[in-house]
Amino acid sequence: MNTPKGLCWDAAILLWVLLLTVTATVQADEREPDFWYTKAKQSLHSALNLKLNTNKAKNLILFLGDGMGVTTVTAARILKGQLEGQSGEEGSLTMDTFPNLALSKTYNVDYQVPDSAGTATAYLCGVKGNYGTIGLNAKAKRYQCSTSIGNDVTSILKRAKDAGKSVGIVTTTRVQHASPAGAYAHISDRDWYGDADMPADAISSGCKDIAYQLVHNGDINVILGGGRKYMFPAGTPDPEYPSESSQAATRKDNRTLVNEWLSSRKKAVYVWKKADFDAVDESTTDYLMGLFEPGDMKYELNRDKTMDPSIVEMTEKAIKILHKNPKGFFLFVEGGRIDHGHHDTKAKMALTEAVLFDQAIKRASELTSEKDTLTVVTADHSHVFTFGGYTVRGNPVFGLASSVASDKKNFTSILYGNGPGYANISEGRPNVNANTGENKDYMQQTAVPLDSETHGGEDVAIFSKGPMAHLLHGVQEQSYIPHVMAFAACIDPYTDCNFGNGASSQQFPTKCSWSALITFVIILLTEKIMS
């Protein structure tokens, strides 16, 4: 198509989108080719209008959907749409709208299929490590405390703090879990949450548990998640479950880490329930620790909304505290229980967690500007989670496949390759009905019996927007992610970065020629009528 000279592209594209919207309203029938042509032209014009954002990033946000493989993203998208009364497939998650997309290779140095500890080292520290180790290079061996000495690697959170930024972590697991621990801990076993979890030889060798490192390894402004029991002397009753001995604190060294954290900081607040969390004044609070469960936070479908905040609420609170720093902030947000739902082969738990995780991404986007905030959404690994069965359009995502199996029984469209959903009974595989998968505690059927379903080894997606987000492209090592984030913010090891401000090197006319604009719209209308 020929375009007239002097055309004001921004106005022209806006008018064209409006035109397409009007015509789409009339012709919104997926059986007609025009429906798909219209959608394609909208996407094409959006792509043509993309501009490279080469600003310096003031703020950095890394969203980590633990276990959120591409199949999980697809199924969560459909669930979101169906919860909104649509068929689901045609909808979009917030992360889907990010303009840049890449793939991440997730293997650990010593394992083909990774765990969340080695991957956390990669996407937070920029170096791949071994399975089960956190914040250490591959010279360190799991369970061997002595091998961690001298093998620390530095996280993007630490680099941001050293550059004067405020920093925070938000998770739906315990804050000492593998993924958030990658931001601050250096330890040769991911399961050493507290000193009671460590072998005597590791303690005598001078290694410190993850909870201790949370308080003493750096200076984190916002810490929100679960994990109370690792922070208080053994036997201390939990404030929410005082009569349950299994929920009591576990520290053997008699330290009260929460008090140690509070005493060394000004304008610091500790909370353990939602009412106190809601009462926190962001304008007068520089440090906030909120630990809302003894261990991991509850699944969203089990959450007591009067006691525990959601991941959306925690993300919002963190940003409102961190954004006060004129030098900006780094925030790590983990949807950690996506992973746990998959390990339990409870798809409804996992996918609901993924939908809430996406809502947190949406809220963060509303509270920040793409001009100065680099936002990255990714996963640490996938799961052996499948979604198929030739289901018809709009089929409930937890529903049945379209036909019966060879054993003349129904099966759900969601299945797992292995895990606790395996049923070894004399009469064979249990039959299911259309409502079976709607039970939040239903364990989808699996091919191989295991106590816990395993991770998958395929690449995972990286969605990004904001300054220098275009550098996250193609197929990359997982350890590439924090390097892009550090470069975008000009922090160590890229303090000498040299890129000019400005959204794009491509130039467009700054003065709008109305005659050119009218001519352009006439051309588009003519093409539309002729087609």
Protein backbone atom coordinates (compact mmCIF):
# COMPACT_ATOMS: atom_id res chain seq x y z
CA MET A 1 0.00 0.00 0.00
CA ASN A 2 1.30 3.47 -0.87
CA THR A 3 1.24 5.98 1.98
CA PRO A 4 1.11 9.74 1.50
CA LYS A 5 4.07 11.92 2.39
CA GLY A 6 3.84 13.80 5.69
CA LEU A 7 1.61 11.21 7.32
CA CYS A 8 1.31 11.46 11.13
CA TRP A 9 1.79 7.83 12.03
CA ASP A 10 0.57 7.87 15.64
CA ALA A 11 -2.75 9.46 14.68
CA ALA A 12 -3.06 7.30 11.58
CA ILE A 13 -2.57 4.07 13.49
CA LEU A 14 -5.05 5.18 16.16
CA LEU A 15 -7.69 5.91 13.51
CA TRP A 16 -7.00 2.62 11.75
CA VAL A 17 -7.40 0.66 15.00
CA LEU A 18 -10.70 2.47 15.65
CA LEU A 19 -11.82 1.61 12.10
CA LEU A 20 -10.92 -2.02 12.62
CA THR A 21 -12.77 -2.08 15.92
CA VAL A 22 -15.94 -0.78 14.29
CA THR A 23 -15.78 -3.22 11.41
CA ALA A 24 -14.88 -6.05 13.75
CA THR A 25 -18.04 -5.36 15.74
CA VAL A 26 -20.07 -5.91 12.58
CA GLN A 27 -18.05 -8.86 11.33
CA ALA A 28 -17.00 -10.52 14.62
CA ASP A 29 -17.70 -14.00 13.34
CA GLU A 30 -14.76 -16.39 13.46
CA ARG A 31 -16.22 -18.33 10.54
CA GLU A 32 -15.50 -15.39 8.25
CA PRO A 33 -11.98 -14.78 6.89
CA ASP A 34 -12.40 -11.05 7.59
CA PHE A 35 -12.40 -11.74 11.31
CA TRP A 36 -8.90 -13.18 11.14
CA TYR A 37 -7.67 -10.59 8.65
CA THR A 38 -8.83 -7.87 11.03
CA LYS A 39 -7.05 -9.44 14.00
CA ALA A 40 -3.90 -9.92 11.95
CA LYS A 41 -3.92 -6.31 10.75
CA GLN A 42 -4.33 -5.07 14.30
CA SER A 43 -1.34 -7.16 15.39
CA LEU A 44 0.65 -6.08 12.36
CA HIS A 45 0.06 -2.40 13.02
CA SER A 46 0.98 -2.87 16.67
CA ALA A 47 4.20 -4.57 15.62
CA LEU A 48 5.03 -1.83 13.13
CA ASN A 49 4.57 0.74 15.88
CA LEU A 50 6.93 -0.96 18.33
CA LYS A 51 9.79 1.24 19.43
CA LEU A 52 12.98 0.16 21.14
CA ASN A 53 13.07 1.50 24.68
CA THR A 54 16.72 2.39 25.26
CA ASN A 55 16.12 4.36 28.44
CA LYS A 56 18.07 3.57 31.57
CA ALA A 57 15.97 1.44 33.90
CA LYS A 58 15.32 3.06 37.25
CA ASN A 59 13.28 0.11 38.53
CA LEU A 60 13.67 -3.62 37.99
CA ILE A 61 10.94 -6.21 38.64
CA LEU A 62 11.47 -9.94 38.15
CA PHE A 63 8.31 -12.08 38.30
CA LEU A 64 9.04 -15.78 38.68
CA GLY A 65 6.24 -18.29 38.13
CA ASP A 66 7.73 -21.36 39.79
CA GLY A 67 7.05 -24.34 37.53
CA MET A 68 5.16 -22.17 35.04
CA GLY A 69 5.96 -23.90 31.78
CA VAL A 70 4.39 -22.90 28.49
CA THR A 71 1.60 -25.47 28.89
CA THR A 72 0.77 -23.94 32.26
CA VAL A 73 0.65 -20.47 30.69
CA THR A 74 -1.77 -21.69 28.02
CA ALA A 75 -4.05 -23.48 30.46
CA ALA A 76 -4.00 -20.50 32.85
CA ARG A 77 -4.97 -18.19 29.98
CA ILE A 78 -8.00 -20.35 29.21
CA LEU A 79 -8.94 -20.59 32.88
CA LYS A 80 -8.75 -16.82 33.23
CA GLY A 81 -11.05 -16.36 30.24
CA GLN A 82 -13.52 -18.94 31.49
CA LEU A 83 -13.62 -17.32 34.92
CA GLU A 84 -14.59 -14.13 33.07
CA GLY A 85 -17.42 -15.88 31.23
CA GLN A 86 -15.61 -16.41 27.92
CA SER A 87 -14.60 -19.59 26.13
CA GLY A 88 -11.05 -18.78 27.19
CA GLU A 89 -8.80 -19.62 24.26
CA GLU A 90 -9.05 -16.19 22.61
CA GLY A 91 -8.15 -14.23 25.75
CA SER A 92 -4.84 -12.93 27.01
CA LEU A 93 -2.95 -12.93 30.25
CA THR A 94 -1.20 -9.72 31.23
CA MET A 95 2.15 -11.37 30.54
CA ASP A 96 0.92 -12.24 27.03
CA THR A 97 0.74 -8.52 26.23
CA PHE A 98 4.46 -7.92 26.87
CA PRO A 99 6.10 -7.09 23.52
CA ASN A 100 9.28 -9.13 23.91
CA LEU A 101 9.49 -12.89 24.16
CA ALA A 102 12.38 -15.32 24.49
CA LEU A 103 13.07 -18.88 25.60
CA SER A 104 15.24 -19.86 28.55
CA LYS A 105 17.35 -23.03 28.77
CA THR A 106 16.83 -24.25 32.32
CA TYR A 107 19.33 -27.09 32.90
CA ASN A 108 21.66 -27.04 35.92
CA VAL A 109 25.39 -27.59 35.52
CA ASP A 110 25.02 -31.18 36.78
CA TYR A 111 21.36 -31.98 35.96
CA GLN A 112 19.51 -32.07 32.66
CA VAL A 113 16.15 -31.51 34.39
CA PRO A 114 16.72 -28.82 37.02
CA ASP A 115 15.47 -27.92 40.47
CA SER A 116 14.45 -24.52 41.81
CA ALA A 117 17.70 -23.93 43.68
CA GLY A 118 20.13 -24.25 40.79
CA THR A 119 17.80 -22.28 38.55
CA ALA A 120 17.46 -19.48 41.14
CA THR A 121 21.23 -19.12 41.08
CA ALA A 122 21.04 -18.75 37.31
CA TYR A 123 18.23 -16.18 36.91
CA LEU A 124 19.18 -14.16 40.00
CA CYS A 125 22.99 -14.42 40.06
CA GLY A 126 23.85 -14.80 36.39
CA VAL A 127 25.84 -18.01 36.89
CA LYS A 128 24.63 -21.59 36.57
CA GLY A 129 25.16 -23.83 39.57
CA ASN A 130 24.51 -27.36 40.72
CA TYR A 131 21.22 -29.01 41.62
CA GLY A 132 20.16 -28.26 45.20
CA THR A 133 22.66 -25.46 45.82
CA ILE A 134 21.84 -21.76 46.09
CA GLY A 135 23.97 -18.70 45.35
CA LEU A 136 27.07 -20.77 44.65
CA ASN A 137 29.00 -21.61 41.51
CA ALA A 138 29.29 -25.18 40.27
CA LYS A 139 32.44 -25.84 42.31
CA ALA A 140 30.16 -26.19 45.32
CA LYS A 141 28.57 -29.61 45.91
CA ARG A 142 25.22 -30.26 47.51
CA TYR A 143 25.29 -31.24 51.21
CA GLN A 144 28.99 -30.37 51.49
CA CYS A 145 29.28 -27.22 53.56
CA SER A 146 33.04 -26.89 53.05
CA THR A 147 32.67 -26.64 49.27
CA SER A 148 30.63 -23.45 49.59
CA ILE A 149 33.53 -21.46 51.03
CA GLY A 150 34.88 -19.01 48.47
CA ASN A 151 32.33 -20.00 45.84
CA ASP A 152 29.67 -17.33 46.44
CA VAL A 153 28.08 -15.59 43.47
CA THR A 154 26.34 -12.20 43.69
CA SER A 155 22.64 -11.71 43.05
CA ILE A 156 20.97 -8.92 41.10
CA LEU A 157 19.20 -7.95 44.35
CA LYS A 158 22.56 -7.40 46.06
CA ARG A 159 23.89 -5.45 43.09
CA ALA A 160 20.80 -3.23 43.07
CA LYS A 161 21.14 -2.57 46.81
CA ASP A 162 24.83 -1.71 46.42
CA ALA A 163 23.80 0.80 43.74
CA GLY A 164 21.57 2.58 46.24
CA LYS A 165 18.23 1.09 45.23
CA SER A 166 15.60 -0.28 47.61
CA VAL A 167 15.02 -4.02 47.27
CA GLY A 168 12.34 -6.53 48.13
CA ILE A 169 11.11 -10.10 47.82
CA VAL A 170 7.53 -11.36 47.68
CA THR A 171 6.62 -15.04 47.57
CA THR A 172 3.68 -17.35 48.17
CA THR A 173 6.08 -19.95 49.61
CA ARG A 174 8.22 -19.51 52.72
CA VAL A 175 10.69 -16.66 52.27
CA GLN A 176 13.51 -19.12 52.93
CA HIS A 177 12.48 -21.31 49.99
CA ALA A 178 14.86 -21.97 47.11
CA SER A 179 13.62 -19.30 44.69
CA PRO A 180 13.61 -16.23 46.99
CA ALA A 181 16.73 -17.53 48.76
CA GLY A 182 18.63 -17.12 45.50
CA ALA A 183 18.39 -13.37 46.06
CA TYR A 184 20.35 -13.37 49.33
CA ALA A 185 21.67 -16.80 50.41
CA HIS A 186 24.79 -18.84 49.67
CA ILE A 187 24.26 -22.40 50.82
CA SER A 188 25.10 -25.92 49.71
CA ASP A 189 21.69 -27.42 50.53
CA ARG A 190 18.40 -25.74 49.72
CA ASP A 191 16.67 -27.61 52.58
CA TRP A 192 18.70 -25.92 55.32
CA TYR A 193 15.87 -23.46 56.01
CA GLY A 194 16.75 -23.08 59.70
CA ASP A 195 19.54 -24.31 61.95
CA ALA A 196 17.37 -27.26 63.05
CA ASP A 197 17.47 -28.52 59.46
CA MET A 198 21.27 -28.56 59.28
CA PRO A 199 23.64 -31.43 60.13
CA ALA A 200 25.98 -30.84 63.06
CA ASP A 201 29.10 -30.90 60.90
CA ALA A 202 27.76 -28.11 58.67
CA ILE A 203 27.05 -25.92 61.71
CA SER A 204 30.45 -26.63 63.25
CA SER A 205 32.08 -25.76 59.91
CA GLY A 206 30.57 -22.28 60.09
CA CYS A 207 27.79 -22.57 57.53
CA LYS A 208 24.68 -20.54 58.30
CA ASP A 209 21.08 -21.51 57.65
CA ILE A 210 18.95 -19.67 55.10
CA ALA A 211 16.79 -17.84 57.68
CA TYR A 212 19.92 -16.46 59.36
CA GLN A 213 21.25 -15.30 56.00
CA LEU A 214 17.91 -13.61 55.21
CA VAL A 215 18.48 -11.28 58.17
CA HIS A 216 22.26 -10.91 58.07
CA ASN A 217 23.22 -11.21 54.37
CA GLY A 218 22.52 -7.73 53.11
CA ASP A 219 19.74 -5.27 53.73
CA ILE A 220 16.35 -6.16 52.23
CA ASN A 221 13.64 -3.51 52.55
CA VAL A 222 10.56 -5.66 51.98
CA ILE A 223 10.21 -9.35 52.84
CA LEU A 224 6.73 -10.84 52.37
CA GLY A 225 5.67 -14.50 52.39
CA GLY A 226 5.59 -17.42 54.80
CA GLY A 227 8.28 -18.93 57.02
CA ARG A 228 7.69 -17.77 60.64
CA LYS A 229 8.86 -20.97 62.30
CA TYR A 230 12.49 -20.57 61.22
CA MET A 231 12.76 -17.13 62.82
CA PHE A 232 12.05 -17.84 66.53
CA PRO A 233 13.47 -20.08 69.31
CA ALA A 234 12.37 -23.72 69.25
CA GLY A 235 9.08 -24.35 70.97
CA THR A 236 7.77 -20.80 70.63
CA PRO A 237 4.04 -21.22 69.91
CA ASP A 238 2.91 -19.87 66.57
CA PRO A 239 0.71 -16.79 67.06
CA GLU A 240 -1.91 -18.02 64.60
CA TYR A 241 -1.90 -21.70 65.60
CA PRO A 242 -0.82 -21.63 69.29
CA SER A 243 -2.25 -25.05 70.12
CA GLU A 244 -0.59 -26.88 67.22
CA SER A 245 2.87 -28.07 68.24
CA SER A 246 3.70 -28.94 64.63
CA GLN A 247 3.49 -25.23 63.78
CA ALA A 248 5.77 -24.08 66.60
CA ALA A 249 9.11 -22.40 65.95
CA THR A 250 12.19 -24.57 65.39
CA ARG A 251 15.40 -22.59 65.99
CA LYS A 252 17.91 -24.42 68.19
CA ASP A 253 20.25 -21.46 68.67
CA ASN A 254 17.62 -19.58 70.73
CA ARG A 255 17.81 -16.56 68.41
CA THR A 256 14.85 -14.38 67.60
CA LEU A 257 15.77 -13.34 64.08
CA VAL A 258 12.78 -11.06 63.63
CA ASN A 259 13.92 -8.93 66.57
CA GLU A 260 17.49 -8.88 65.24
CA TRP A 261 16.15 -7.62 61.92
CA LEU A 262 13.97 -4.94 63.52
CA SER A 263 16.62 -3.68 65.95
CA SER A 264 19.13 -2.90 63.22
CA ARG A 265 16.77 -0.87 61.03
CA LYS A 266 14.83 2.37 61.28
CA LYS A 267 11.20 2.74 60.24
CA ALA A 268 10.90 -1.03 60.28
CA VAL A 269 7.71 -3.03 60.86
CA TYR A 270 7.02 -6.75 61.37
CA VAL A 271 3.53 -8.20 60.80
CA TRP A 272 2.09 -11.70 60.73
CA LYS A 273 -1.59 -11.14 59.93
CA LYS A 274 -3.51 -9.26 57.27
CA ALA A 275 -5.10 -6.66 59.53
CA ASP A 276 -1.68 -5.41 60.61
CA PHE A 277 -0.41 -5.69 57.04
CA ASP A 278 -3.26 -3.53 55.78
CA ALA A 279 -2.55 -0.97 58.51
CA VAL A 280 1.07 -0.44 57.44
CA ASP A 281 1.55 3.13 56.23
CA GLU A 282 3.76 2.89 53.15
CA SER A 283 4.72 6.56 53.35
CA THR A 284 6.34 6.17 56.78
CA THR A 285 7.66 2.61 56.44
CA ASP A 286 11.04 1.90 54.88
CA TYR A 287 11.31 -1.74 55.98
CA LEU A 288 8.53 -4.32 56.15
CA MET A 289 8.75 -7.99 57.05
CA GLY A 290 5.49 -9.90 56.81
CA LEU A 291 5.49 -13.64 57.59
CA PHE A 292 1.93 -14.90 57.31
CA GLU A 293 2.31 -18.64 57.83
CA PRO A 294 4.71 -20.91 59.78
CA GLY A 295 5.80 -22.49 56.48
CA ASP A 296 4.57 -21.89 52.94
CA MET A 297 1.57 -19.65 52.46
CA LYS A 298 -1.70 -21.41 51.71
CA TYR A 299 -2.93 -22.08 48.21
CA GLU A 300 -5.15 -19.26 46.96
CA LEU A 301 -8.16 -21.60 47.00
CA ASN A 302 -7.49 -22.35 50.69
CA ARG A 303 -6.38 -18.87 51.76
CA ASP A 304 -8.08 -17.28 54.76
CA LYS A 305 -8.65 -13.82 53.32
CA THR A 306 -9.03 -12.34 56.80
CA MET A 307 -5.57 -13.54 57.86
CA ASP A 308 -3.31 -13.72 54.82
CA PRO A 309 -2.85 -11.18 52.00
CA SER A 310 -2.85 -12.35 48.39
CA ILE A 311 0.14 -12.17 46.07
CA VAL A 312 -1.55 -9.18 44.41
CA GLU A 313 -1.84 -7.32 47.70
CA MET A 314 1.74 -8.14 48.73
CA THR A 315 3.08 -6.97 45.37
CA GLU A 316 1.20 -3.69 45.64
CA LYS A 317 2.38 -3.06 49.20
CA ALA A 318 5.99 -3.80 48.24
CA ILE A 319 5.97 -1.41 45.28
CA LYS A 320 4.39 1.38 47.30
CA ILE A 321 7.17 1.12 49.90
CA LEU A 322 10.05 0.62 47.48
CA HIS A 323 9.13 3.28 44.93
CA LYS A 324 9.86 6.11 47.39
CA ASN A 325 13.58 5.71 46.76
CA PRO A 326 14.60 8.30 44.12
CA LYS A 327 17.25 5.85 42.88
CA GLY A 328 14.61 3.23 42.16
CA PHE A 329 14.14 -0.35 43.29
CA PHE A 330 14.52 -4.06 42.54
CA LEU A 331 11.64 -6.39 43.37
CA PHE A 332 11.47 -10.17 43.08
CA VAL A 333 7.94 -11.65 43.06
CA GLU A 334 7.44 -15.41 43.06
CA GLY A 335 4.24 -17.31 42.40
CA GLY A 336 5.73 -20.28 44.19
CA ARG A 337 2.73 -22.47 44.75
CA ILE A 338 2.12 -22.98 41.03
CA ASP A 339 4.95 -25.46 41.42
CA HIS A 340 3.50 -27.11 44.52
CA GLY A 341 0.13 -27.62 42.87
CA HIS A 342 1.83 -29.42 40.00
CA HIS A 343 3.94 -31.57 42.33
CA ASP A 344 0.70 -32.67 43.98
CA THR A 345 -0.91 -33.18 40.52
CA LYS A 346 -3.66 -30.82 41.64
CA ALA A 347 -4.14 -28.84 38.45
CA LYS A 348 -6.88 -26.60 39.81
CA MET A 349 -4.60 -25.44 42.62
CA ALA A 350 -1.69 -24.84 40.24
CA LEU A 351 -3.64 -22.97 37.56
CA THR A 352 -5.52 -20.80 40.06
CA GLU A 353 -2.14 -19.79 41.48
CA ALA A 354 -1.00 -18.91 37.95
CA VAL A 355 -4.05 -16.70 37.35
CA LEU A 356 -3.44 -14.81 40.62
CA PHE A 357 0.25 -14.48 39.70
CA ASP A 358 -0.79 -12.83 36.46
CA GLN A 359 -3.06 -10.47 38.37
CA ALA A 360 -0.03 -9.41 40.42
CA ILE A 361 1.79 -8.65 37.15
CA LYS A 362 -1.18 -6.55 36.07
CA ARG A 363 -1.20 -4.60 39.34
CA ALA A 364 2.53 -3.95 39.13
CA SER A 365 2.07 -2.63 35.59
CA GLU A 366 -0.57 -0.22 36.86
CA LEU A 367 1.74 1.07 39.59
CA THR A 368 4.84 1.58 37.42
CA SER A 369 5.80 3.10 34.08
CA GLU A 370 7.19 1.17 31.16
CA LYS A 371 9.42 4.18 30.45
CA ASP A 372 11.65 3.56 33.46
CA THR A 373 10.72 0.09 34.76
CA LEU A 374 12.07 -3.11 33.24
CA THR A 375 9.63 -5.94 34.02
CA VAL A 376 10.59 -9.54 33.30
CA VAL A 377 8.28 -12.53 33.72
CA THR A 378 9.68 -16.03 33.50
CA ALA A 379 9.73 -19.49 35.07
CA ASP A 380 12.50 -21.52 36.62
CA HIS A 381 11.41 -24.78 35.00
CA SER A 382 8.41 -26.63 33.66
CA HIS A 383 6.49 -29.73 34.81
CA VAL A 384 5.36 -32.97 33.18
CA PHE A 385 1.93 -31.36 32.83
CA THR A 386 -0.05 -32.04 29.66
CA PHE A 387 -3.17 -30.49 28.20
CA GLY A 388 -4.83 -32.20 25.25
CA GLY A 389 -7.35 -34.80 24.19
CA TYR A 390 -8.88 -33.01 21.16
CA THR A 391 -11.18 -30.96 23.35
CA VAL A 392 -13.77 -28.76 21.65
CA ARG A 393 -13.67 -24.99 21.77
CA GLY A 394 -14.73 -23.63 25.16
CA ASN A 395 -14.37 -26.98 26.89
CA PRO A 396 -13.92 -26.41 30.65
CA VAL A 397 -10.19 -26.42 31.23
CA PHE A 398 -10.60 -29.00 34.02
CA GLY A 399 -13.15 -30.98 31.98
CA LEU A 400 -13.11 -34.19 29.99
CA ALA A 401 -11.48 -34.99 26.69
CA SER A 402 -13.85 -35.38 23.75
CA SER A 403 -13.74 -39.16 23.55
CA VAL A 404 -13.26 -42.15 25.82
CA ALA A 405 -9.97 -44.01 26.10
CA SER A 406 -9.26 -47.58 24.93
CA ASP A 407 -10.41 -48.86 28.33
CA LYS A 408 -13.86 -47.34 27.61
CA LYS A 409 -13.45 -44.80 30.40
CA ASN A 410 -13.40 -41.02 30.35
CA PHE A 411 -10.26 -39.02 30.98
CA THR A 412 -9.62 -35.38 31.78
CA SER A 413 -7.91 -33.16 29.24
CA ILE A 414 -5.27 -32.36 31.87
CA LEU A 415 -2.95 -35.22 32.79
CA TYR A 416 0.55 -35.63 34.22
CA GLY A 417 3.40 -37.84 33.09
CA ASN A 418 4.11 -38.99 36.64
CA GLY A 419 3.11 -38.27 40.22
CA PRO A 420 0.73 -39.20 43.04
CA GLY A 421 -2.33 -39.23 40.78
CA TYR A 422 -1.48 -42.77 39.65
CA ALA A 423 -4.10 -45.31 40.74
CA ASN A 424 -2.86 -48.90 40.96
CA ILE A 425 -6.09 -50.80 41.49
CA SER A 426 -7.22 -54.24 40.28
CA GLU A 427 -10.08 -52.92 38.17
CA GLY A 428 -7.78 -50.52 36.35
CA ARG A 429 -7.85 -46.78 35.95
CA PRO A 430 -10.71 -45.00 37.78
CA ASN A 431 -13.42 -43.52 35.63
CA VAL A 432 -14.07 -39.79 35.83
CA ASN A 433 -16.96 -37.48 34.98
CA ALA A 434 -17.30 -33.87 33.87
CA ASN A 435 -17.23 -32.59 37.45
CA THR A 436 -14.31 -34.63 38.75
CA GLY A 437 -11.60 -32.14 37.77
CA GLU A 438 -13.48 -29.21 39.29
CA ASN A 439 -12.64 -30.42 42.79
CA LYS A 440 -9.68 -28.34 43.96
CA ASP A 441 -8.12 -31.37 45.66
CA TYR A 442 -8.57 -33.76 42.75
CA MET A 443 -5.28 -35.28 41.65
CA GLN A 444 -5.16 -35.70 37.88
CA GLN A 445 -4.24 -39.15 36.65
CA THR A 446 -0.62 -39.94 35.87
CA ALA A 447 1.22 -42.55 33.83
CA VAL A 448 3.92 -43.36 36.41
CA PRO A 449 3.46 -43.59 40.20
CA LEU A 450 5.57 -41.19 42.26
CA ASP A 451 5.01 -39.53 45.63
CA SER A 452 5.66 -36.16 43.99
CA GLU A 453 5.35 -35.23 40.31
CA THR A 454 8.61 -34.13 38.70
CA HIS A 455 9.83 -31.07 36.86
CA GLY A 456 10.03 -30.98 33.08
CA GLY A 457 13.22 -30.28 31.18
CA GLU A 458 12.00 -28.13 28.28
CA ASP A 459 12.69 -24.43 27.76
CA VAL A 460 10.45 -21.88 29.45
CA ALA A 461 9.28 -18.47 28.27
CA ILE A 462 10.69 -15.04 29.15
CA PHE A 463 8.23 -12.16 28.73
CA SER A 464 9.62 -8.63 29.08
CA LYS A 465 8.81 -4.96 28.67
CA GLY A 466 10.48 -1.65 29.51
CA PRO A 467 14.03 -0.32 29.14
CA MET A 468 16.29 -2.63 27.12
CA ALA A 469 13.69 -5.43 27.19
CA HIS A 470 14.43 -6.13 23.53
CA LEU A 471 17.73 -7.68 24.65
CA LEU A 472 15.71 -10.62 25.97
CA HIS A 473 15.16 -12.35 22.63
CA GLY A 474 15.83 -15.68 20.96
CA VAL A 475 16.88 -18.75 22.93
CA GLN A 476 19.12 -17.88 25.86
CA GLU A 477 20.79 -19.46 28.84
CA GLN A 478 18.74 -18.83 31.97
CA SER A 479 21.75 -17.11 33.50
CA TYR A 480 21.49 -14.36 30.85
CA ILE A 481 18.44 -12.80 32.51
CA PRO A 482 20.09 -10.88 35.39
CA HIS A 483 22.83 -9.64 33.07
CA VAL A 484 20.22 -7.87 30.93
CA MET A 485 18.60 -6.43 34.04
CA ALA A 486 21.91 -5.17 35.42
CA PHE A 487 22.86 -3.69 32.05
CA ALA A 488 19.51 -1.95 31.70
CA ALA A 489 19.98 -0.29 35.09
CA CYS A 490 23.71 0.41 34.63
CA ILE A 491 24.60 -1.41 37.83
CA ASP A 492 27.52 -3.70 38.55
CA PRO A 493 29.02 -5.36 36.53
CA TYR A 494 27.78 -2.96 33.82
CA THR A 495 28.32 0.42 35.48
CA ASP A 496 30.15 1.62 32.37
CA CYS A 497 27.16 0.88 30.12
CA ASN A 498 26.84 3.38 27.33
CA PHE A 499 23.50 3.73 25.65
CA GLY A 500 21.59 6.89 24.87
CA ASN A 501 18.19 7.82 26.20
CA GLY A 502 15.26 7.90 23.83
CA ALA A 503 12.65 5.39 22.93
CA SER A 504 13.76 4.56 19.41
CA SER A 505 16.37 5.15 16.77
CA GLN A 506 13.63 5.13 14.14
CA GLN A 507 12.41 8.60 13.24
CA PHE A 508 8.81 9.57 12.51
CA PRO A 509 7.40 12.92 11.38
CA THR A 510 6.70 15.17 14.36
CA LYS A 511 4.26 17.41 12.52
CA CYS A 512 0.96 15.98 11.42
CA SER A 513 -0.26 16.66 7.89
CA TRP A 514 -4.04 16.40 8.06
CA SER A 515 -4.37 16.07 4.31
CA ALA A 516 -1.97 13.14 4.41
CA LEU A 517 -3.90 11.62 7.30
CA ILE A 518 -7.24 11.90 5.47
CA THR A 519 -5.67 10.42 2.34
CA PHE A 520 -4.33 7.53 4.39
CA VAL A 521 -7.73 6.75 5.92
CA ILE A 522 -9.39 6.92 2.45
CA ILE A 523 -6.83 4.39 1.17
CA LEU A 524 -7.58 2.06 4.09
CA LEU A 525 -11.32 2.36 3.64
CA THR A 526 -10.99 1.69 -0.09
CA GLU A 527 -8.90 -1.43 0.58
CA LYS A 528 -11.46 -2.58 3.15
CA ILE A 529 -14.36 -2.17 0.73
CA MET A 530 -12.48 -3.86 -2.12
CA SER A 531 -11.63 -6.84 0.10
